[in-house]
Amino acid sequence: MNRELLRVVQKKYLEGERSISFSEIGKLGIKQTEKTVQIGNLRLKSNSFLEYYSVSLIDEEKDLDGLPIRENKKLFARLLTLWEEGKTRIYFDEMKKLNIYTPKSSFEIKNFRLSSVGPWRVDHYGISLIDEKKDPEGKWIDEMTNAKRVLAELESFEPSGDSYKKETALEKELFFFFRDRFHTVQRQLYIGGSVKALRIDFDIADGKIGLELKLAESLLDSTEKQRLIGQMHDYTTKRYKPENFILVIAGELRLRSDPTISEIRNLVKARSHLFFLSLD
């Protein structure tokens, strides 16, 4: 791509110019016989009679380089800074510095909605949240997070590869899964003061929800089963309300009806929540 041509045409467009003469574009390496030329997200269309190319935007959803505005990391970072400073507008001039200029009156980027104000396009977009129950990145805020919501999100989790063969690998995948959906997620949080150094696999919403992961196969061992029962007692007395504790048991579907797993399920469901994650 002709970088100089790209720079010149984009600069003109951002400054409000919608044409470029044959002579100027000829100096930049474009033959005047070409009827249309695409430069990033801009289209140049020849007017041979008046000897110029008209310049127009191809896709309103993209910046001048042709990249989706909703995926622009620099724009999102700027919006996030403004929002955290209590500001609710971003000026067109700021967006032009990011190579963004679109006639759209509104568009979305993660959980931000940008809307031009009034019947005419003024000089800025207003910034607002699409869903006030979520943070700017689209994650559930801590105040709106509860066990029911965590369980609902778990329904869409699908482990990849052979992660189910090791609890630590599956735990890591779950951590990234939760981190993409909830504002505050901590992994292996220390919650006890005993020599056991008690830790819980996931703390969600800053101490609100506790979640422990176990492989079904390991719980068939009576020692591991008793250890889990002891852990659950500590979790629901030291930090979490019983109704805010979730036990996730992961394993082959056939183990769901195993007598030991059924015993644990009945024990947990008396006060807390159990989610069986099928790894078949």
Protein backbone atom coordinates (compact mmCIF):
# COMPACT_ATOMS: atom_id res chain seq x y z
CA MET A 1 0.00 0.00 0.00
CA ASN A 2 1.16 3.53 -0.80
CA ARG A 3 1.67 4.90 2.73
CA GLU A 4 2.06 8.50 1.61
CA LEU A 5 -1.17 8.32 -0.39
CA LEU A 6 -2.94 6.80 2.60
CA ARG A 7 -1.68 9.55 4.90
CA VAL A 8 -2.63 12.39 2.56
CA VAL A 9 -6.11 11.10 1.72
CA GLN A 10 -6.95 10.31 5.34
CA LYS A 11 -5.72 13.74 6.48
CA LYS A 12 -7.90 15.48 3.90
CA TYR A 13 -10.95 13.44 4.90
CA LEU A 14 -10.46 14.17 8.61
CA GLU A 15 -10.16 17.89 7.80
CA GLY A 16 -13.48 17.80 5.99
CA GLU A 17 -12.21 17.73 2.39
CA ARG A 18 -14.07 15.31 0.16
CA SER A 19 -12.03 15.53 -3.06
CA ILE A 20 -8.44 15.38 -4.28
CA SER A 21 -7.24 16.70 -7.64
CA PHE A 22 -5.79 14.58 -10.45
CA SER A 23 -2.54 16.48 -10.30
CA GLU A 24 -2.08 15.93 -6.56
CA ILE A 25 -2.96 12.28 -6.69
CA GLY A 26 -0.75 11.77 -9.72
CA LYS A 27 2.23 12.91 -7.67
CA LEU A 28 1.34 10.17 -5.16
CA GLY A 29 1.50 7.36 -7.69
CA ILE A 30 -2.10 6.91 -8.82
CA LYS A 31 -2.82 6.78 -12.56
CA GLN A 32 -5.61 9.13 -13.58
CA THR A 33 -7.10 6.40 -15.77
CA GLU A 34 -8.21 4.42 -12.71
CA LYS A 35 -11.94 4.94 -12.15
CA THR A 36 -12.03 3.96 -8.48
CA VAL A 37 -9.32 3.45 -5.90
CA GLN A 38 -9.70 2.01 -2.39
CA ILE A 39 -7.44 3.52 0.28
CA GLY A 40 -8.04 1.78 3.60
CA ASN A 41 -11.69 2.49 4.39
CA LEU A 42 -11.93 5.32 1.85
CA ARG A 43 -13.06 5.11 -1.76
CA LEU A 44 -11.76 7.49 -4.42
CA LYS A 45 -14.07 7.87 -7.43
CA SER A 46 -12.88 9.61 -10.59
CA ASN A 47 -14.59 12.68 -12.06
CA SER A 48 -12.70 13.04 -15.32
CA PHE A 49 -14.60 16.14 -16.42
CA LEU A 50 -13.61 18.19 -13.35
CA GLU A 51 -10.30 16.31 -12.95
CA TYR A 52 -10.59 15.19 -9.36
CA TYR A 53 -11.40 12.15 -7.29
CA SER A 54 -14.28 12.36 -4.81
CA VAL A 55 -13.49 10.79 -1.43
CA SER A 56 -16.11 8.82 0.52
CA LEU A 57 -16.24 6.44 3.46
CA ILE A 58 -16.80 2.78 2.58
CA ASP A 59 -17.94 1.30 5.90
CA GLU A 60 -19.38 3.46 8.70
CA GLU A 61 -18.58 0.73 11.25
CA LYS A 62 -14.83 0.98 10.61
CA ASP A 63 -12.05 3.51 11.14
CA LEU A 64 -10.20 5.05 8.21
CA ASP A 65 -7.76 2.13 8.11
CA GLY A 66 -10.64 -0.31 7.73
CA LEU A 67 -10.56 -1.77 11.25
CA PRO A 68 -13.83 -2.22 13.22
CA ILE A 69 -14.42 0.74 15.55
CA ARG A 70 -15.99 -1.54 18.16
CA GLU A 71 -12.64 -3.37 18.43
CA ASN A 72 -10.45 -0.26 18.69
CA LYS A 73 -8.43 -0.78 21.88
CA LYS A 74 -7.11 2.79 21.99
CA LEU A 75 -10.61 4.22 21.72
CA PHE A 76 -11.87 1.94 24.49
CA ALA A 77 -8.93 2.91 26.71
CA ARG A 78 -9.71 6.60 26.16
CA LEU A 79 -13.41 6.06 26.89
CA LEU A 80 -12.53 4.17 30.06
CA THR A 81 -10.27 7.00 31.25
CA LEU A 82 -12.95 9.60 30.57
CA TRP A 83 -15.61 7.51 32.31
CA GLU A 84 -13.45 6.97 35.40
CA GLU A 85 -12.88 10.74 35.52
CA GLY A 86 -16.64 11.27 35.56
CA LYS A 87 -16.77 12.66 32.02
CA THR A 88 -19.60 11.64 29.72
CA ARG A 89 -18.53 12.94 26.32
CA ILE A 90 -15.74 12.40 23.83
CA TYR A 91 -15.04 15.06 21.21
CA PHE A 92 -14.77 14.30 17.52
CA ASP A 93 -11.29 15.83 17.48
CA GLU A 94 -10.11 13.23 20.01
CA MET A 95 -11.48 10.44 17.85
CA LYS A 96 -9.88 11.90 14.73
CA LYS A 97 -6.51 11.49 16.41
CA LEU A 98 -7.33 7.77 16.51
CA ASN A 99 -8.18 7.86 12.77
CA ILE A 100 -11.90 7.56 13.48
CA TYR A 101 -14.57 9.63 11.79
CA THR A 102 -17.97 8.20 10.99
CA PRO A 103 -21.37 9.69 10.11
CA LYS A 104 -23.08 7.19 12.42
CA SER A 105 -25.13 8.91 15.12
CA SER A 106 -24.45 6.11 17.58
CA PHE A 107 -22.42 2.95 17.96
CA GLU A 108 -21.24 0.56 20.64
CA ILE A 109 -17.84 -0.53 21.93
CA LYS A 110 -17.97 -3.24 24.59
CA ASN A 111 -20.46 -1.91 27.17
CA PHE A 112 -20.17 1.73 26.08
CA ARG A 113 -22.68 3.41 23.81
CA LEU A 114 -21.61 6.56 21.98
CA SER A 115 -24.44 8.82 20.80
CA SER A 116 -24.37 12.21 19.10
CA VAL A 117 -26.54 14.74 20.92
CA GLY A 118 -29.51 16.63 19.47
CA PRO A 119 -30.96 16.75 15.94
CA TRP A 120 -27.63 17.86 14.44
CA ARG A 121 -24.19 16.35 14.81
CA VAL A 122 -22.46 18.73 17.19
CA ASP A 123 -18.83 18.25 18.17
CA HIS A 124 -18.93 15.20 20.41
CA TYR A 125 -20.52 11.86 21.30
CA GLY A 126 -22.22 11.33 24.65
CA ILE A 127 -20.87 8.32 26.57
CA SER A 128 -23.22 5.98 28.44
CA LEU A 129 -23.36 2.36 29.55
CA ILE A 130 -25.50 -0.05 27.54
CA ASP A 131 -26.18 -2.24 30.59
CA GLU A 132 -25.74 -0.55 33.96
CA LYS A 133 -25.54 -3.95 35.64
CA LYS A 134 -22.20 -4.48 33.92
CA ASP A 135 -18.88 -2.63 33.93
CA PRO A 136 -17.49 -0.87 30.82
CA GLU A 137 -15.96 -4.14 29.59
CA GLY A 138 -19.33 -5.87 29.79
CA LYS A 139 -18.63 -7.89 32.94
CA TRP A 140 -21.18 -8.26 35.74
CA ILE A 141 -20.45 -5.72 38.46
CA ASP A 142 -19.95 -7.10 41.98
CA GLU A 143 -23.22 -5.60 43.26
CA MET A 144 -25.22 -7.54 40.64
CA THR A 145 -23.34 -10.83 41.06
CA ASN A 146 -24.96 -13.68 42.95
CA ALA A 147 -24.81 -17.47 43.00
CA LYS A 148 -27.70 -17.78 40.55
CA ARG A 149 -25.88 -15.60 38.02
CA VAL A 150 -22.63 -17.56 38.39
CA LEU A 151 -24.50 -20.84 37.89
CA ALA A 152 -26.22 -19.44 34.80
CA GLU A 153 -22.87 -18.46 33.28
CA LEU A 154 -21.44 -21.89 34.05
CA GLU A 155 -24.01 -23.42 31.73
CA SER A 156 -22.06 -22.03 28.75
CA PHE A 157 -18.61 -23.20 29.88
CA GLU A 158 -16.96 -25.82 27.67
CA PRO A 159 -13.52 -27.19 28.62
CA SER A 160 -11.04 -27.50 25.79
CA GLY A 161 -8.55 -30.22 24.91
CA ASP A 162 -7.43 -32.47 27.75
CA SER A 163 -7.87 -29.87 30.50
CA TYR A 164 -10.28 -32.16 32.34
CA LYS A 165 -7.52 -34.67 33.07
CA LYS A 166 -5.95 -32.40 35.68
CA GLU A 167 -7.82 -30.26 38.17
CA THR A 168 -5.23 -27.48 37.93
CA ALA A 169 -5.61 -27.23 34.15
CA LEU A 170 -9.41 -27.12 34.37
CA GLU A 171 -9.18 -24.57 37.16
CA LYS A 172 -7.05 -22.32 34.97
CA GLU A 173 -9.58 -22.49 32.13
CA LEU A 174 -12.40 -21.67 34.52
CA PHE A 175 -10.46 -18.71 35.86
CA PHE A 176 -10.19 -17.13 32.39
CA PHE A 177 -13.86 -17.95 31.79
CA PHE A 178 -14.98 -16.20 34.97
CA ARG A 179 -12.59 -13.29 34.49
CA ASP A 180 -14.26 -12.53 31.14
CA ARG A 181 -17.70 -12.40 32.76
CA PHE A 182 -17.35 -10.99 36.26
CA HIS A 183 -15.72 -7.76 37.41
CA THR A 184 -13.79 -9.20 40.38
CA VAL A 185 -12.40 -12.74 40.32
CA GLN A 186 -9.56 -14.10 42.45
CA ARG A 187 -8.02 -17.52 42.15
CA GLN A 188 -6.69 -19.60 45.05
CA LEU A 189 -7.68 -17.04 47.66
CA TYR A 190 -6.32 -17.64 51.16
CA ILE A 191 -9.20 -17.53 53.64
CA GLY A 192 -8.02 -19.50 56.67
CA GLY A 193 -5.69 -18.85 59.56
CA SER A 194 -4.95 -22.46 60.42
CA VAL A 195 -1.86 -24.48 59.60
CA LYS A 196 -3.83 -25.94 56.71
CA ALA A 197 -3.53 -22.58 54.93
CA LEU A 198 -7.09 -22.92 53.65
CA ARG A 199 -7.63 -21.58 50.14
CA ILE A 200 -10.67 -21.56 47.91
CA ASP A 201 -10.37 -22.06 44.15
CA PHE A 202 -12.40 -18.97 43.18
CA ASP A 203 -13.56 -15.90 45.02
CA ILE A 204 -16.05 -13.93 42.91
CA ALA A 205 -17.41 -10.41 43.54
CA ASP A 206 -14.90 -9.53 46.25
CA GLY A 207 -15.82 -12.07 48.91
CA LYS A 208 -19.43 -12.51 47.91
CA ILE A 209 -19.33 -15.87 46.10
CA GLY A 210 -17.01 -18.79 46.81
CA LEU A 211 -16.56 -21.61 44.31
CA GLU A 212 -14.62 -24.83 44.75
CA LEU A 213 -13.74 -27.21 41.91
CA LYS A 214 -13.30 -30.98 42.34
CA LEU A 215 -12.86 -33.85 39.91
CA ALA A 216 -15.55 -36.47 40.40
CA GLU A 217 -13.00 -39.28 40.08
CA SER A 218 -11.01 -38.00 43.06
CA LEU A 219 -14.08 -37.80 45.31
CA LEU A 220 -14.65 -41.54 45.00
CA ASP A 221 -11.80 -41.86 47.47
CA SER A 222 -13.26 -41.67 50.99
CA THR A 223 -10.33 -39.62 52.30
CA GLU A 224 -10.83 -36.97 49.60
CA LYS A 225 -14.57 -36.96 50.25
CA GLN A 226 -14.06 -36.28 53.97
CA ARG A 227 -11.47 -33.62 53.17
CA LEU A 228 -14.00 -31.86 50.94
CA ILE A 229 -16.65 -31.96 53.64
CA GLY A 230 -14.22 -30.33 56.04
CA GLN A 231 -13.30 -27.68 53.48
CA MET A 232 -16.93 -26.81 52.81
CA HIS A 233 -17.55 -26.35 56.52
CA ASP A 234 -14.61 -23.96 56.74
CA TYR A 235 -15.62 -22.04 53.61
CA THR A 236 -19.18 -21.49 54.83
CA THR A 237 -18.20 -20.47 58.35
CA LYS A 238 -15.05 -18.42 57.76
CA ARG A 239 -16.00 -16.32 54.72
CA TYR A 240 -19.12 -17.20 52.68
CA LYS A 241 -22.79 -17.50 53.49
CA PRO A 242 -23.85 -21.09 52.74
CA GLU A 243 -26.21 -19.87 50.01
CA ASN A 244 -23.27 -18.11 48.31
CA PHE A 245 -21.06 -21.20 48.12
CA ILE A 246 -20.89 -23.29 44.93
CA LEU A 247 -19.27 -26.69 44.53
CA VAL A 248 -18.43 -27.66 40.95
CA ILE A 249 -17.86 -31.37 40.40
CA ALA A 250 -16.36 -32.17 37.00
CA GLY A 251 -16.35 -35.62 35.51
CA GLU A 252 -17.80 -38.14 33.11
CA LEU A 253 -21.58 -38.09 33.02
CA ARG A 254 -21.75 -41.69 34.25
CA LEU A 255 -20.31 -40.56 37.59
CA ARG A 256 -23.15 -38.14 38.20
CA SER A 257 -25.30 -40.98 39.57
CA ASP A 258 -22.50 -42.67 41.53
CA PRO A 259 -23.62 -43.22 45.15
CA THR A 260 -20.70 -41.20 46.55
CA ILE A 261 -21.36 -38.26 44.24
CA SER A 262 -25.10 -38.46 45.02
CA GLU A 263 -24.29 -38.38 48.73
CA ILE A 264 -22.16 -35.25 48.27
CA ARG A 265 -24.85 -33.65 46.11
CA ASN A 266 -27.50 -34.15 48.79
CA LEU A 267 -25.16 -32.81 51.45
CA VAL A 268 -24.29 -29.66 49.47
CA LYS A 269 -27.78 -28.90 48.21
CA ALA A 270 -29.14 -28.86 51.76
CA ARG A 271 -27.50 -25.44 52.25
CA SER A 272 -25.48 -24.44 49.16
CA HIS A 273 -25.24 -25.09 45.39
CA LEU A 274 -23.75 -27.92 43.35
CA PHE A 275 -23.02 -27.81 39.62
CA PHE A 276 -22.03 -31.00 37.82
CA LEU A 277 -19.78 -30.21 34.87
CA SER A 278 -19.95 -32.99 32.32
CA LEU A 279 -16.59 -33.72 30.68
CA ASP A 280 -17.87 -36.27 28.17
